[in-house]
N, C-alpha and C. Protein backbone atom coordinates (compact mmCIF):
# COMPACT_ATOMS: atom_id res chain seq x y z
N UNK A 1 1.01 4.23 -12.34
CA UNK A 1 -0.36 5.19 -12.55
C UNK A 1 -1.13 3.68 -13.50
N UNK A 2 -2.20 3.57 -14.16
CA UNK A 2 -2.55 2.12 -14.77
C UNK A 2 -3.79 2.79 -15.11
N UNK A 3 -4.62 2.63 -15.93
CA UNK A 3 -6.03 2.98 -16.63
C UNK A 3 -6.44 1.12 -16.72
N UNK A 4 -8.17 1.26 -16.34
CA UNK A 4 -9.00 -0.26 -16.75
C UNK A 4 -9.99 0.59 -16.44
N UNK A 5 -10.33 -0.70 -17.24
CA UNK A 5 -12.02 -0.98 -16.89
C UNK A 5 -12.29 -1.80 -16.08
N UNK A 6 -13.36 -1.65 -15.36
CA UNK A 6 -13.90 -2.06 -14.59
C UNK A 6 -15.07 -2.88 -15.03
N UNK A 7 -15.29 -3.90 -14.42
CA UNK A 7 -16.30 -5.26 -15.06
C UNK A 7 -17.51 -4.00 -14.95
N UNK A 8 -18.49 -3.99 -13.96
CA UNK A 8 -19.70 -3.72 -12.92
C UNK A 8 -19.18 -1.26 -12.75
N UNK A 9 -18.42 -1.40 -13.27
CA UNK A 9 -18.51 0.12 -13.07
C UNK A 9 -18.39 1.30 -14.43
N UNK A 10 -18.95 2.39 -14.68
CA UNK A 10 -18.65 2.61 -15.48
C UNK A 10 -17.63 3.73 -16.29
N UNK A 11 -17.08 3.96 -14.89
CA UNK A 11 -15.50 4.77 -15.33
C UNK A 11 -14.61 3.93 -15.41
N UNK A 12 -12.99 3.72 -15.72
CA UNK A 12 -11.89 3.17 -15.94
C UNK A 12 -11.57 3.31 -14.86
N UNK A 13 -11.51 2.51 -13.73
CA UNK A 13 -10.76 2.38 -12.89
C UNK A 13 -8.56 2.39 -12.55
N UNK A 14 -8.66 4.07 -11.75
CA UNK A 14 -7.41 4.15 -11.98
C UNK A 14 -5.89 3.51 -10.67
N UNK A 15 -5.67 2.69 -11.27
CA UNK A 15 -4.18 2.65 -10.01
C UNK A 15 -3.45 3.69 -9.69
N UNK A 16 -3.47 3.89 -8.94
CA UNK A 16 -1.95 4.13 -7.76
C UNK A 16 -0.75 3.67 -7.40
N UNK A 17 0.25 3.39 -7.65
CA UNK A 17 1.55 2.55 -6.90
C UNK A 17 1.99 2.85 -5.55
N UNK A 18 2.19 2.79 -4.92
CA UNK A 18 3.02 3.14 -3.39
C UNK A 18 3.95 3.70 -3.40
N UNK A 19 4.10 5.05 -3.11
CA UNK A 19 5.80 5.35 -2.67
C UNK A 19 6.71 4.81 -2.20
N UNK A 20 8.16 4.50 -2.43
CA UNK A 20 9.00 3.42 -1.34
C UNK A 20 9.55 4.99 -0.89
N UNK A 21 9.59 4.81 0.23
CA UNK A 21 10.93 5.23 0.83
C UNK A 21 12.60 4.83 0.47
N UNK A 22 13.73 5.23 0.66
CA UNK A 22 14.44 4.33 0.48
C UNK A 22 14.64 4.03 2.43
N UNK A 23 14.53 4.60 2.87
CA UNK A 23 15.30 4.30 4.76
C UNK A 23 13.72 2.67 4.97
N UNK A 24 13.20 2.88 4.34
CA UNK A 24 11.69 2.33 4.78
C UNK A 24 12.38 0.98 4.09
N UNK A 25 12.71 0.88 2.70
CA UNK A 25 13.14 -0.49 1.44
C UNK A 25 14.50 -0.77 2.22
N UNK A 26 15.56 -0.29 3.53
CA UNK A 26 16.79 -0.91 4.00
C UNK A 26 16.15 -1.39 4.87
N UNK A 27 15.22 -0.61 5.72
CA UNK A 27 14.80 -1.99 7.40
C UNK A 27 14.04 -2.77 6.46
N UNK A 28 13.37 -2.88 5.39
CA UNK A 28 12.18 -3.78 5.25
C UNK A 28 13.31 -5.20 4.63
N UNK A 29 14.78 -5.07 4.06
CA UNK A 29 15.42 -5.79 3.01
C UNK A 29 16.87 -6.26 4.81
N UNK A 30 16.71 -4.71 5.78
CA UNK A 30 18.32 -5.76 6.37
C UNK A 30 18.34 -6.89 7.10
N UNK A 31 17.03 -7.71 7.22
CA UNK A 31 17.50 -8.33 8.22
C UNK A 31 17.61 -9.84 7.16
N UNK A 32 16.77 -10.26 6.53
CA UNK A 32 16.92 -11.32 4.97
C UNK A 32 18.19 -11.27 4.99
N UNK A 33 19.38 -9.75 4.26
CA UNK A 33 20.66 -9.68 3.51
C UNK A 33 21.10 -9.64 4.49
N UNK A 34 21.24 -9.35 5.50
CA UNK A 34 22.25 -9.44 6.89
C UNK A 34 22.70 -11.36 7.32
N UNK A 35 21.11 -11.75 7.38
CA UNK A 35 20.39 -13.36 7.38
C UNK A 35 21.93 -12.97 6.51
N UNK A 36 21.42 -13.16 4.82
CA UNK A 36 21.98 -14.19 4.16
C UNK A 36 23.70 -14.33 4.29
N UNK A 37 24.65 -12.46 4.51
CA UNK A 37 25.53 -12.57 4.44
C UNK A 37 26.10 -13.04 6.16
N UNK A 38 25.95 -13.62 7.10
CA UNK A 38 26.29 -14.14 8.13
C UNK A 38 26.00 -15.92 7.88
N UNK A 39 25.20 -16.11 6.81
CA UNK A 39 25.25 -17.82 6.40
C UNK A 39 25.49 -17.92 5.21
N UNK A 40 26.86 -16.88 4.51
CA UNK A 40 28.37 -17.40 4.11
C UNK A 40 28.55 -16.64 4.42
N UNK A 41 29.25 -16.50 5.51
CA UNK A 41 30.01 -16.78 6.59
C UNK A 41 30.30 -18.19 6.86
N UNK A 42 29.52 -18.31 8.10
CA UNK A 42 29.07 -19.23 8.41
C UNK A 42 29.58 -20.62 6.91
N UNK A 43 29.46 -20.42 5.97
CA UNK A 43 29.23 -21.91 5.05
C UNK A 43 31.02 -21.81 4.89
N UNK A 44 31.72 -21.01 4.99
CA UNK A 44 32.95 -20.51 4.65
C UNK A 44 33.81 -21.34 5.62
N UNK A 45 33.31 -20.70 6.59
CA UNK A 45 33.90 -21.27 7.83
C UNK A 45 33.99 -22.76 8.18
N UNK A 46 33.36 -23.37 7.09
CA UNK A 46 32.62 -24.88 7.51
C UNK A 46 30.92 -25.44 8.21
N UNK A 47 30.47 -24.46 9.22
CA UNK A 47 29.77 -24.73 9.74
C UNK A 47 28.24 -24.32 9.10
N UNK A 48 28.30 -25.93 8.44
CA UNK A 48 26.56 -25.87 7.63
C UNK A 48 25.64 -25.98 8.38
N UNK A 49 25.27 -26.42 9.17
CA UNK A 49 24.41 -26.45 9.58
C UNK A 49 24.51 -24.77 10.51
N UNK A 50 24.67 -24.18 10.83
CA UNK A 50 24.36 -22.96 11.51
C UNK A 50 24.16 -22.01 9.85
N UNK A 51 24.76 -22.55 8.71
CA UNK A 51 24.82 -21.65 7.72
C UNK A 51 23.32 -21.78 7.20
N UNK A 52 22.93 -23.33 7.31
CA UNK A 52 21.44 -23.43 6.70
C UNK A 52 20.62 -22.96 7.73
N UNK A 53 20.47 -22.88 9.00
CA UNK A 53 19.79 -22.01 9.19
C UNK A 53 19.08 -20.66 9.17
N UNK A 54 20.68 -19.89 9.25
CA UNK A 54 20.15 -18.66 8.45
C UNK A 54 19.42 -18.70 7.09
N UNK A 55 20.12 -19.53 6.42
CA UNK A 55 19.06 -19.31 4.58
C UNK A 55 18.00 -19.71 4.90
N UNK A 56 17.98 -20.27 5.75
CA UNK A 56 15.84 -21.22 6.16
C UNK A 56 15.52 -19.46 7.38
N UNK A 57 16.14 -18.44 7.39
CA UNK A 57 15.69 -17.95 8.85
C UNK A 57 15.43 -16.31 6.95
N UNK A 58 16.53 -16.29 6.31
CA UNK A 58 16.70 -14.91 5.25
C UNK A 58 15.70 -15.35 4.00
N UNK A 59 15.14 -16.86 3.89
CA UNK A 59 14.33 -17.21 3.54
C UNK A 59 12.75 -16.81 3.50
N UNK A 60 12.12 -17.11 4.89
CA UNK A 60 11.59 -17.12 5.80
C UNK A 60 10.91 -15.00 5.59
N UNK A 61 12.07 -14.35 6.17
CA UNK A 61 11.52 -12.88 6.69
C UNK A 61 11.44 -12.17 5.38
N UNK A 62 12.35 -13.10 4.29
CA UNK A 62 11.89 -11.90 2.63
C UNK A 62 10.32 -12.21 2.40
N UNK A 63 9.98 -13.87 2.36
CA UNK A 63 9.11 -14.26 1.68
C UNK A 63 7.75 -13.27 2.37
N UNK A 64 7.95 -13.25 3.96
CA UNK A 64 7.27 -12.69 5.19
C UNK A 64 6.79 -11.42 4.60
N UNK A 65 8.15 -10.69 4.36
CA UNK A 65 8.41 -9.41 4.34
C UNK A 65 7.74 -9.18 2.51
N UNK A 66 7.61 -9.49 1.72
CA UNK A 66 7.08 -9.94 0.75
C UNK A 66 5.73 -10.18 0.64
N UNK A 67 5.34 -11.04 1.11
CA UNK A 67 3.65 -10.86 1.60
C UNK A 67 3.30 -10.53 1.70
N UNK A 68 3.17 -9.44 2.91
CA UNK A 68 2.59 -8.33 3.15
C UNK A 68 2.83 -6.62 2.88
N UNK A 69 4.02 -6.87 2.01
CA UNK A 69 4.02 -5.41 1.33
C UNK A 69 3.56 -5.91 -0.26
N UNK A 70 3.61 -6.29 -0.50
CA UNK A 70 3.96 -6.84 -2.23
C UNK A 70 3.14 -7.44 -3.11
N UNK A 71 1.56 -7.11 -3.77
CA UNK A 71 1.40 -5.17 -4.38
C UNK A 71 1.18 -4.19 -3.31
N UNK A 72 2.21 -2.95 -3.52
CA UNK A 72 1.30 -2.14 -2.63
C UNK A 72 0.78 -0.64 -3.45
N UNK A 73 -1.12 -1.09 -3.79
CA UNK A 73 -1.02 0.22 -4.73
C UNK A 73 -2.40 0.49 -4.10
N UNK A 74 -3.73 1.22 -4.69
CA UNK A 74 -4.54 1.78 -4.05
C UNK A 74 -5.51 2.20 -5.53
N UNK A 75 -6.07 1.51 -5.65
CA UNK A 75 -7.08 1.73 -7.34
C UNK A 75 -8.46 2.72 -6.83
N UNK A 76 -8.13 3.86 -7.86
CA UNK A 76 -9.59 4.22 -7.68
C UNK A 76 -10.60 3.86 -8.16
N UNK A 77 -11.60 4.11 -7.85
CA UNK A 77 -13.20 3.01 -8.83
C UNK A 77 -14.14 4.27 -9.02
N UNK A 78 -15.30 4.30 -9.61
CA UNK A 78 -16.20 5.49 -9.98
C UNK A 78 -16.70 5.00 -8.47
N UNK A 79 -17.27 4.18 -7.88
CA UNK A 79 -18.16 4.01 -6.37
C UNK A 79 -16.92 3.83 -5.53
N UNK A 80 -15.80 3.04 -5.18
CA UNK A 80 -15.35 3.24 -4.45
C UNK A 80 -13.65 2.86 -3.99
N UNK A 81 -12.77 2.46 -2.99
CA UNK A 81 -11.06 2.72 -3.53
C UNK A 81 -10.85 1.05 -2.65
N UNK A 82 -9.65 0.67 -3.97
CA UNK A 82 -9.37 -0.91 -3.16
C UNK A 82 -8.20 -0.20 -2.51
N UNK A 83 -7.52 -0.45 -1.69
CA UNK A 83 -6.28 -0.93 -0.91
C UNK A 83 -5.78 -2.54 -0.55
N UNK A 84 -4.32 -2.59 -1.78
CA UNK A 84 -4.61 -3.70 -1.57
C UNK A 84 -2.20 -3.68 -1.16
N UNK A 85 -2.34 -3.98 -0.16
CA UNK A 85 -0.77 -3.89 0.23
C UNK A 85 -0.58 -5.69 0.74
N UNK A 86 0.34 -6.48 0.37
CA UNK A 86 0.05 -7.57 0.30
C UNK A 86 -0.75 -8.64 -0.53
N UNK A 87 -1.19 -9.44 1.22
CA UNK A 87 -2.39 -9.88 1.13
C UNK A 87 -3.65 -9.41 1.85
N UNK A 88 -3.07 -8.13 2.49
CA UNK A 88 -4.09 -7.36 2.70
C UNK A 88 -5.49 -7.26 2.01
N UNK A 89 -6.32 -6.70 2.19
CA UNK A 89 -6.61 -6.20 1.32
C UNK A 89 -8.34 -5.36 1.58
N UNK A 90 -8.17 -3.96 1.46
CA UNK A 90 -9.75 -3.59 2.22
C UNK A 90 -10.37 -2.62 1.02
N UNK A 91 -11.48 -2.82 0.65
CA UNK A 91 -12.76 -1.63 0.19
C UNK A 91 -13.58 -0.61 0.85
N UNK A 92 -13.16 0.47 0.22
CA UNK A 92 -13.79 1.88 1.12
C UNK A 92 -14.50 2.12 -0.43
N UNK A 93 -16.25 2.18 0.37
CA UNK A 93 -17.34 3.17 -0.39
C UNK A 93 -16.78 4.48 -0.15
N UNK A 94 -16.94 5.19 -1.95
CA UNK A 94 -16.38 6.30 -1.49
C UNK A 94 -17.37 6.99 -1.07
N UNK A 95 -18.56 6.70 -0.59
CA UNK A 95 -19.94 7.04 0.30
C UNK A 95 -19.81 7.65 1.39
N UNK A 96 -18.43 6.45 1.97
CA UNK A 96 -18.20 6.69 3.06
C UNK A 96 -17.41 7.22 3.59
N UNK A 97 -15.66 8.14 2.90
CA UNK A 97 -15.55 8.78 2.98
C UNK A 97 -15.22 10.59 4.27
N UNK A 98 -15.27 10.35 4.33
CA UNK A 98 -14.85 11.96 5.25
C UNK A 98 -14.32 12.96 4.83
N UNK A 99 -13.18 12.34 4.61
CA UNK A 99 -12.18 13.13 4.43
C UNK A 99 -11.19 13.27 4.15
N UNK A 100 -9.77 13.74 3.21
CA UNK A 100 -8.89 13.55 2.72
C UNK A 100 -7.50 14.45 3.19
N UNK A 101 -6.46 13.90 3.35
CA UNK A 101 -5.78 15.20 3.54
C UNK A 101 -4.41 14.64 3.86
N UNK A 102 -3.57 14.95 3.72
CA UNK A 102 -2.03 15.40 3.83
C UNK A 102 -1.78 14.78 4.65
N UNK A 103 -1.01 14.04 5.43
CA UNK A 103 0.16 13.68 6.28
C UNK A 103 1.42 13.04 5.85
N UNK A 104 2.03 13.11 7.70
CA UNK A 104 3.35 12.15 7.66
C UNK A 104 3.45 11.78 8.49
N UNK A 105 2.07 11.39 8.74
CA UNK A 105 1.63 10.86 10.00
C UNK A 105 3.47 9.05 10.22
N UNK A 106 3.48 8.54 11.58
CA UNK A 106 4.06 7.77 11.85
C UNK A 106 3.74 6.39 11.72
N UNK A 107 1.90 6.99 12.17
CA UNK A 107 1.02 5.05 12.42
C UNK A 107 1.75 4.72 11.40
N UNK A 108 1.00 3.09 11.29
CA UNK A 108 1.20 2.40 10.32
C UNK A 108 -0.22 1.85 10.00
N UNK A 109 0.52 2.04 8.61
CA UNK A 109 -0.53 1.53 7.20
C UNK A 109 -0.48 1.29 6.28
N UNK A 110 -1.15 0.77 5.86
CA UNK A 110 -0.79 0.35 4.33
C UNK A 110 0.50 1.45 3.08
N UNK A 111 1.15 2.06 3.83
CA UNK A 111 2.19 2.25 2.71
C UNK A 111 3.71 2.32 3.20
N UNK A 112 4.13 2.54 2.31
CA UNK A 112 5.54 2.75 2.02
C UNK A 112 6.50 3.57 2.38
N UNK A 113 5.62 4.94 2.04
CA UNK A 113 6.63 6.23 2.50
C UNK A 113 6.22 6.87 3.20
N UNK A 114 6.36 8.19 3.30
CA UNK A 114 6.26 8.86 4.56
C UNK A 114 5.57 10.09 3.98
N UNK A 115 5.24 10.22 2.99
CA UNK A 115 4.55 10.97 2.48
C UNK A 115 2.82 10.83 1.65
N UNK A 116 2.91 10.42 2.86
CA UNK A 116 1.43 9.41 3.42
C UNK A 116 -0.25 10.63 2.92
N UNK A 117 -1.57 10.26 2.54
CA UNK A 117 -2.46 10.58 2.49
C UNK A 117 -3.09 10.10 3.72
N UNK A 118 -4.40 11.03 4.51
CA UNK A 118 -5.05 9.95 5.47
C UNK A 118 -6.39 10.16 4.59
N UNK A 119 -7.44 9.25 4.70
CA UNK A 119 -8.58 9.28 4.37
C UNK A 119 -9.70 8.70 5.37
N UNK A 120 -10.31 9.17 6.13
CA UNK A 120 -11.00 8.97 7.62
C UNK A 120 -12.42 9.12 6.93
N UNK A 121 -13.03 7.67 7.19
CA UNK A 121 -13.98 7.09 7.49
C UNK A 121 -15.35 6.82 8.54
N UNK A 122 -15.87 7.42 8.77
CA UNK A 122 -17.06 7.48 10.20
C UNK A 122 -16.68 6.05 10.72
N UNK A 123 -15.66 5.05 10.24
CA UNK A 123 -16.10 3.32 10.80
C UNK A 123 -13.83 3.82 11.17
N UNK A 124 -13.30 4.54 10.49
CA UNK A 124 -11.53 4.17 10.49
C UNK A 124 -10.79 4.92 9.90
N UNK A 125 -9.68 5.09 10.23
CA UNK A 125 -8.44 6.51 8.99
C UNK A 125 -7.68 5.92 8.35
N UNK A 126 -7.36 5.29 7.37
CA UNK A 126 -6.55 4.54 6.15
C UNK A 126 -5.78 6.10 5.91
N UNK A 127 -4.64 5.25 6.36
CA UNK A 127 -2.84 5.83 5.75
C UNK A 127 -2.58 4.76 4.51
N UNK A 128 -1.82 5.92 3.93
CA UNK A 128 -1.81 5.24 2.25
C UNK A 128 -0.73 6.63 1.77
N UNK A 129 0.03 5.64 1.06
CA UNK A 129 1.11 6.63 0.23
C UNK A 129 1.21 6.32 -1.27
N UNK A 130 0.34 7.05 -1.77
CA UNK A 130 0.23 7.03 -3.36
C UNK A 130 2.46 7.49 -3.62
N UNK A 131 2.55 7.23 -5.15
CA UNK A 131 3.85 7.86 -5.14
C UNK A 131 3.50 9.39 -6.37
N UNK A 132 2.33 9.80 -6.61
CA UNK A 132 1.85 10.34 -7.37
C UNK A 132 0.22 11.17 -6.11
N UNK A 133 1.47 11.59 -5.33
CA UNK A 133 0.24 12.01 -4.25
C UNK A 133 -0.80 13.38 -4.04
N UNK A 134 -0.31 13.95 -4.91
CA UNK A 134 -1.16 15.42 -5.70
C UNK A 134 -1.85 14.83 -6.53
N UNK A 135 -2.08 13.77 -7.77
CA UNK A 135 -2.70 13.69 -8.66
C UNK A 135 -3.74 12.65 -7.82
N UNK A 136 -3.20 11.35 -7.26
CA UNK A 136 -3.79 10.48 -6.46
C UNK A 136 -5.44 11.79 -5.57
N UNK A 137 -4.82 12.46 -4.58
CA UNK A 137 -6.01 13.57 -3.79
C UNK A 137 -7.24 13.86 -5.14
N UNK A 138 -6.47 14.56 -5.68
CA UNK A 138 -6.93 15.57 -6.67
C UNK A 138 -7.83 14.32 -7.45
N UNK A 139 -7.91 13.46 -8.20
CA UNK A 139 -8.64 12.07 -8.74
C UNK A 139 -9.82 11.74 -7.24
N UNK A 140 -9.51 11.58 -6.62
CA UNK A 140 -10.04 11.00 -5.39
C UNK A 140 -11.66 12.51 -4.99
N UNK A 141 -10.68 13.93 -4.75
CA UNK A 141 -11.84 14.63 -4.36
C UNK A 141 -12.58 14.89 -5.87
N UNK A 142 -12.16 15.06 -6.83
CA UNK A 142 -12.88 14.60 -7.99
C UNK A 142 -14.12 13.83 -8.14
N UNK A 143 -13.71 12.48 -7.91
CA UNK A 143 -14.53 11.51 -7.94
C UNK A 143 -15.53 11.77 -6.40
N UNK A 144 -15.68 12.37 -6.03
CA UNK A 144 -16.14 12.74 -3.99
C UNK A 144 -16.97 13.65 -4.36
N UNK A 145 -16.40 14.86 -5.68
CA UNK A 145 -17.38 16.12 -5.68
C UNK A 145 -18.76 15.17 -7.06
N UNK A 146 -18.58 14.52 -7.82
CA UNK A 146 -18.99 13.98 -8.61
C UNK A 146 -20.48 12.99 -7.56
N UNK A 147 -19.99 12.00 -6.61
CA UNK A 147 -20.98 12.02 -6.21
C UNK A 147 -21.53 11.94 -5.47
N UNK A 148 -21.26 13.56 -4.78
CA UNK A 148 -21.72 14.44 -4.39
C UNK A 148 -22.97 14.73 -5.07
N UNK A 149 -22.45 15.33 -6.27
CA UNK A 149 -23.70 15.82 -7.46
C UNK A 149 -24.45 14.92 -7.13
N UNK A 150 -24.30 14.02 -7.32
CA UNK A 150 -24.88 12.92 -8.17
C UNK A 150 -26.52 12.41 -6.68
N UNK A 151 -25.40 12.40 -6.05
CA UNK A 151 -26.48 12.67 -4.08
C UNK A 151 -27.69 13.40 -4.69
N UNK A 152 -27.49 14.67 -4.84
CA UNK A 152 -27.70 16.03 -4.78
C UNK A 152 -29.58 15.36 -5.33
N UNK A 153 -28.34 15.34 -6.89
CA UNK A 153 -29.68 15.39 -8.11
C UNK A 153 -30.92 14.50 -7.66
N UNK A 154 -30.51 13.17 -7.03
CA UNK A 154 -31.06 12.52 -6.79
C UNK A 154 -32.22 12.24 -5.60
N UNK A 155 -32.41 13.59 -5.10
CA UNK A 155 -32.37 13.67 -3.58
C UNK A 155 -33.19 14.71 -3.48
N UNK A 156 -33.53 15.52 -4.76
CA UNK A 156 -34.53 16.45 -5.69
C UNK A 156 -35.37 16.46 -6.33
């Protein structure tokens, strides 16, 4: 969890890194590692073309996996939540959040752990897995309550 001052915002942003389950890490790295092992075996057997092909496959799968998973983090600002997982980036205005709940859903999302948080908006459900899940939920709910208080004061 890192804190940094947002340039156009009032409060420091808080960044939560995604938790990473061992089995998910193994599944993501299994293909490139298997390709490398077989490529090394083929190289030792004098099959350079097959080894080169597998080295390229290992590089491609490792690059693609890294591109869609690194970094995986969630940044809470005073007015929004930024979800970053590799090349994917979502901006969720806090005013659009309807509910925040703990979950262990198997649905896909920018989450590298099964200890997940579901964030429901009017448009969709976002699936996250902050390493410090309880702290993330508590901080998000406090920020949402603050926005609700400010909104009700403005309406009065």
